Amino acid sequence: MTTIERKAGDFVIDATLLADAFGLSQDQIKARMRAGTITSRCEAGTDEDAGHWRLTFHHGNRACRFIVDEAGSIERAAHGRDLAV
């Protein structure tokens, strides 16, 4: 899996995507998620954004964000300075 999957209403993200965004190994991503130093937030779109979700991951002072559809297909991705766009 190198995408985002939807399972039982939740999203499951491949550690490769976060490793690329944060410049860490997949093992580091998994360990930091277990330790709670990488956190996430899932926001459902409303009105014209209904059927889309914004998944944001934070690590220290860095963040990455994925905009996905109902199936988990990535429509947009941003990290670092790109988040301001």
N, C-alpha and C. Protein backbone atom coordinates (compact mmCIF):
# COMPACT_ATOMS: atom_id res chain seq x y z
N MET A 1 0.85 -1.20 0.00
CA MET A 1 0.00 0.00 0.00
C MET A 1 0.88 1.24 0.00
N THR A 2 0.75 2.08 -0.99
CA THR A 2 1.46 3.36 -1.02
C THR A 2 0.47 4.50 -1.17
N THR A 3 -0.72 4.28 -0.70
CA THR A 3 -1.76 5.28 -0.79
C THR A 3 -2.44 5.39 0.57
N ILE A 4 -3.61 5.94 0.54
CA ILE A 4 -4.43 6.03 1.74
C ILE A 4 -5.66 5.17 1.49
N GLU A 5 -5.94 4.25 2.41
CA GLU A 5 -7.09 3.37 2.27
C GLU A 5 -8.17 3.75 3.27
N ARG A 6 -9.38 3.42 2.93
CA ARG A 6 -10.51 3.64 3.83
C ARG A 6 -10.96 2.29 4.33
N LYS A 7 -10.94 2.12 5.66
CA LYS A 7 -11.35 0.85 6.27
C LYS A 7 -12.31 1.15 7.41
N ALA A 8 -13.52 0.64 7.30
CA ALA A 8 -14.54 0.80 8.34
C ALA A 8 -14.72 2.26 8.76
N GLY A 9 -14.68 3.15 7.78
CA GLY A 9 -14.89 4.57 8.06
C GLY A 9 -13.66 5.33 8.49
N ASP A 10 -12.54 4.62 8.71
CA ASP A 10 -11.29 5.26 9.09
C ASP A 10 -10.34 5.28 7.91
N PHE A 11 -9.36 6.15 7.96
CA PHE A 11 -8.34 6.20 6.92
C PHE A 11 -7.07 5.56 7.45
N VAL A 12 -6.41 4.77 6.60
CA VAL A 12 -5.14 4.13 6.94
C VAL A 12 -4.13 4.62 5.92
N ILE A 13 -3.05 5.25 6.43
CA ILE A 13 -2.06 5.84 5.55
C ILE A 13 -0.79 5.00 5.56
N ASP A 14 -0.19 4.84 4.41
CA ASP A 14 1.06 4.11 4.29
C ASP A 14 2.17 4.96 4.92
N ALA A 15 3.01 4.32 5.74
CA ALA A 15 4.10 5.04 6.41
C ALA A 15 5.06 5.68 5.40
N THR A 16 5.12 5.14 4.18
CA THR A 16 6.00 5.71 3.15
C THR A 16 5.64 7.16 2.85
N LEU A 17 4.34 7.47 2.80
CA LEU A 17 3.91 8.84 2.51
C LEU A 17 4.39 9.80 3.59
N LEU A 18 4.27 9.41 4.84
CA LEU A 18 4.71 10.27 5.94
C LEU A 18 6.23 10.32 6.02
N ALA A 19 6.89 9.20 5.74
CA ALA A 19 8.36 9.18 5.76
C ALA A 19 8.90 10.16 4.73
N ASP A 20 8.32 10.17 3.54
CA ASP A 20 8.74 11.11 2.50
C ASP A 20 8.50 12.56 2.92
N ALA A 21 7.36 12.82 3.51
CA ALA A 21 6.99 14.18 3.90
C ALA A 21 7.86 14.71 5.03
N PHE A 22 8.19 13.86 6.00
CA PHE A 22 8.95 14.30 7.17
C PHE A 22 10.44 13.99 7.09
N GLY A 23 10.88 13.30 6.03
CA GLY A 23 12.30 12.99 5.90
C GLY A 23 12.78 11.99 6.94
N LEU A 24 11.94 11.03 7.27
CA LEU A 24 12.26 9.99 8.25
C LEU A 24 12.10 8.62 7.60
N SER A 25 12.61 7.59 8.27
CA SER A 25 12.40 6.23 7.77
C SER A 25 11.00 5.77 8.16
N GLN A 26 10.54 4.72 7.52
CA GLN A 26 9.22 4.16 7.86
C GLN A 26 9.21 3.67 9.30
N ASP A 27 10.31 3.07 9.75
CA ASP A 27 10.38 2.59 11.13
C ASP A 27 10.31 3.76 12.11
N GLN A 28 10.96 4.87 11.79
CA GLN A 28 10.89 6.06 12.65
C GLN A 28 9.47 6.60 12.70
N ILE A 29 8.78 6.61 11.56
CA ILE A 29 7.39 7.08 11.52
C ILE A 29 6.53 6.22 12.44
N LYS A 30 6.64 4.91 12.30
CA LYS A 30 5.82 4.01 13.11
C LYS A 30 6.11 4.17 14.60
N ALA A 31 7.39 4.27 14.96
CA ALA A 31 7.76 4.42 16.37
C ALA A 31 7.25 5.74 16.93
N ARG A 32 7.34 6.81 16.16
CA ARG A 32 6.91 8.12 16.64
C ARG A 32 5.39 8.22 16.71
N MET A 33 4.70 7.51 15.83
CA MET A 33 3.23 7.49 15.93
C MET A 33 2.81 6.72 17.19
N ARG A 34 3.48 5.61 17.47
CA ARG A 34 3.17 4.84 18.69
C ARG A 34 3.46 5.67 19.94
N ALA A 35 4.54 6.46 19.88
CA ALA A 35 4.93 7.29 21.03
C ALA A 35 4.08 8.55 21.15
N GLY A 36 3.33 8.87 20.11
CA GLY A 36 2.47 10.05 20.14
C GLY A 36 3.18 11.34 19.76
N THR A 37 4.39 11.25 19.21
CA THR A 37 5.09 12.47 18.79
C THR A 37 4.71 12.88 17.37
N ILE A 38 4.07 11.99 16.64
CA ILE A 38 3.41 12.35 15.38
C ILE A 38 1.92 12.22 15.66
N THR A 39 1.21 13.29 15.46
CA THR A 39 -0.23 13.30 15.70
C THR A 39 -0.97 13.57 14.40
N SER A 40 -2.26 13.29 14.39
CA SER A 40 -3.04 13.48 13.17
C SER A 40 -4.41 14.06 13.50
N ARG A 41 -4.98 14.64 12.47
CA ARG A 41 -6.32 15.20 12.57
C ARG A 41 -7.04 14.92 11.25
N CYS A 42 -8.29 14.50 11.34
CA CYS A 42 -9.10 14.21 10.16
C CYS A 42 -10.31 15.13 10.19
N GLU A 43 -10.50 15.89 9.12
CA GLU A 43 -11.62 16.82 9.04
C GLU A 43 -12.45 16.50 7.80
N ALA A 44 -13.74 16.33 7.98
CA ALA A 44 -14.65 16.04 6.87
C ALA A 44 -15.09 17.34 6.21
N GLY A 45 -15.11 17.34 4.88
CA GLY A 45 -15.57 18.51 4.15
C GLY A 45 -17.07 18.69 4.26
N THR A 46 -17.49 19.93 4.16
CA THR A 46 -18.92 20.26 4.17
C THR A 46 -19.25 21.07 2.93
N ASP A 47 -20.54 21.20 2.66
CA ASP A 47 -21.04 21.96 1.53
C ASP A 47 -20.35 21.52 0.24
N GLU A 48 -19.67 22.43 -0.45
CA GLU A 48 -19.05 22.07 -1.74
C GLU A 48 -17.88 21.10 -1.58
N ASP A 49 -17.39 20.92 -0.35
CA ASP A 49 -16.30 19.98 -0.09
C ASP A 49 -16.79 18.65 0.48
N ALA A 50 -18.10 18.45 0.53
CA ALA A 50 -18.64 17.18 1.03
C ALA A 50 -18.08 16.03 0.21
N GLY A 51 -17.76 14.92 0.88
CA GLY A 51 -17.19 13.77 0.19
C GLY A 51 -15.67 13.83 0.12
N HIS A 52 -15.08 14.85 0.74
CA HIS A 52 -13.62 15.00 0.78
C HIS A 52 -13.20 15.15 2.23
N TRP A 53 -11.98 14.73 2.51
CA TRP A 53 -11.43 14.82 3.87
C TRP A 53 -10.05 15.45 3.82
N ARG A 54 -9.72 16.18 4.88
CA ARG A 54 -8.40 16.76 5.04
C ARG A 54 -7.72 16.02 6.18
N LEU A 55 -6.63 15.33 5.87
CA LEU A 55 -5.86 14.58 6.85
C LEU A 55 -4.56 15.34 7.09
N THR A 56 -4.35 15.81 8.31
CA THR A 56 -3.17 16.60 8.64
C THR A 56 -2.37 15.86 9.70
N PHE A 57 -1.07 15.77 9.48
CA PHE A 57 -0.16 15.10 10.40
C PHE A 57 0.86 16.12 10.89
N HIS A 58 1.12 16.10 12.20
CA HIS A 58 2.06 17.04 12.82
C HIS A 58 3.20 16.27 13.47
N HIS A 59 4.40 16.78 13.28
CA HIS A 59 5.59 16.24 13.94
C HIS A 59 6.48 17.42 14.30
N GLY A 60 6.58 17.69 15.60
CA GLY A 60 7.34 18.87 16.04
C GLY A 60 6.73 20.12 15.44
N ASN A 61 7.55 20.92 14.76
CA ASN A 61 7.04 22.14 14.14
C ASN A 61 6.74 21.95 12.65
N ARG A 62 6.64 20.72 12.21
CA ARG A 62 6.36 20.41 10.81
C ARG A 62 4.98 19.78 10.67
N ALA A 63 4.42 19.92 9.48
CA ALA A 63 3.11 19.32 9.20
C ALA A 63 3.06 18.89 7.74
N CYS A 64 2.21 17.90 7.47
CA CYS A 64 1.89 17.54 6.09
C CYS A 64 0.39 17.28 6.03
N ARG A 65 -0.16 17.52 4.86
CA ARG A 65 -1.62 17.43 4.71
C ARG A 65 -1.95 16.72 3.40
N PHE A 66 -3.00 15.90 3.49
CA PHE A 66 -3.52 15.20 2.31
C PHE A 66 -5.00 15.50 2.21
N ILE A 67 -5.45 15.87 1.02
CA ILE A 67 -6.87 16.02 0.73
C ILE A 67 -7.25 14.76 -0.05
N VAL A 68 -8.22 14.01 0.50
CA VAL A 68 -8.59 12.73 -0.12
C VAL A 68 -10.09 12.67 -0.37
N ASP A 69 -10.46 11.80 -1.30
CA ASP A 69 -11.89 11.58 -1.55
C ASP A 69 -12.36 10.39 -0.71
N GLU A 70 -13.61 10.00 -0.90
CA GLU A 70 -14.21 8.94 -0.10
C GLU A 70 -13.46 7.62 -0.17
N ALA A 71 -12.85 7.34 -1.31
CA ALA A 71 -12.11 6.10 -1.49
C ALA A 71 -10.70 6.18 -0.93
N GLY A 72 -10.25 7.38 -0.54
CA GLY A 72 -8.90 7.57 -0.04
C GLY A 72 -7.91 8.00 -1.10
N SER A 73 -8.40 8.25 -2.33
CA SER A 73 -7.52 8.73 -3.39
C SER A 73 -7.03 10.13 -3.05
N ILE A 74 -5.73 10.33 -3.16
CA ILE A 74 -5.14 11.63 -2.83
C ILE A 74 -5.40 12.61 -3.96
N GLU A 75 -6.06 13.70 -3.64
CA GLU A 75 -6.34 14.75 -4.62
C GLU A 75 -5.29 15.85 -4.56
N ARG A 76 -4.80 16.12 -3.34
CA ARG A 76 -3.75 17.13 -3.14
C ARG A 76 -2.93 16.71 -1.94
N ALA A 77 -1.66 17.05 -1.97
CA ALA A 77 -0.77 16.79 -0.84
C ALA A 77 0.12 18.01 -0.67
N ALA A 78 0.41 18.35 0.57
CA ALA A 78 1.28 19.48 0.85
C ALA A 78 2.03 19.22 2.14
N HIS A 79 3.22 19.78 2.23
CA HIS A 79 3.96 19.72 3.48
C HIS A 79 4.88 20.93 3.54
N GLY A 80 5.30 21.26 4.75
CA GLY A 80 6.19 22.41 4.93
C GLY A 80 5.55 23.69 4.46
N ARG A 81 6.30 24.46 3.70
CA ARG A 81 5.83 25.76 3.21
C ARG A 81 4.63 25.64 2.27
N ASP A 82 4.47 24.46 1.64
CA ASP A 82 3.34 24.26 0.72
C ASP A 82 1.99 24.35 1.42
N LEU A 83 1.97 24.18 2.74
CA LEU A 83 0.71 24.22 3.47
C LEU A 83 0.06 25.60 3.41
N ALA A 84 0.84 26.63 3.21
CA ALA A 84 0.30 27.98 3.16
C ALA A 84 -0.46 28.24 1.87
N VAL A 85 -0.25 27.39 0.87
CA VAL A 85 -0.88 27.59 -0.44
C VAL A 85 -2.34 27.24 -0.40
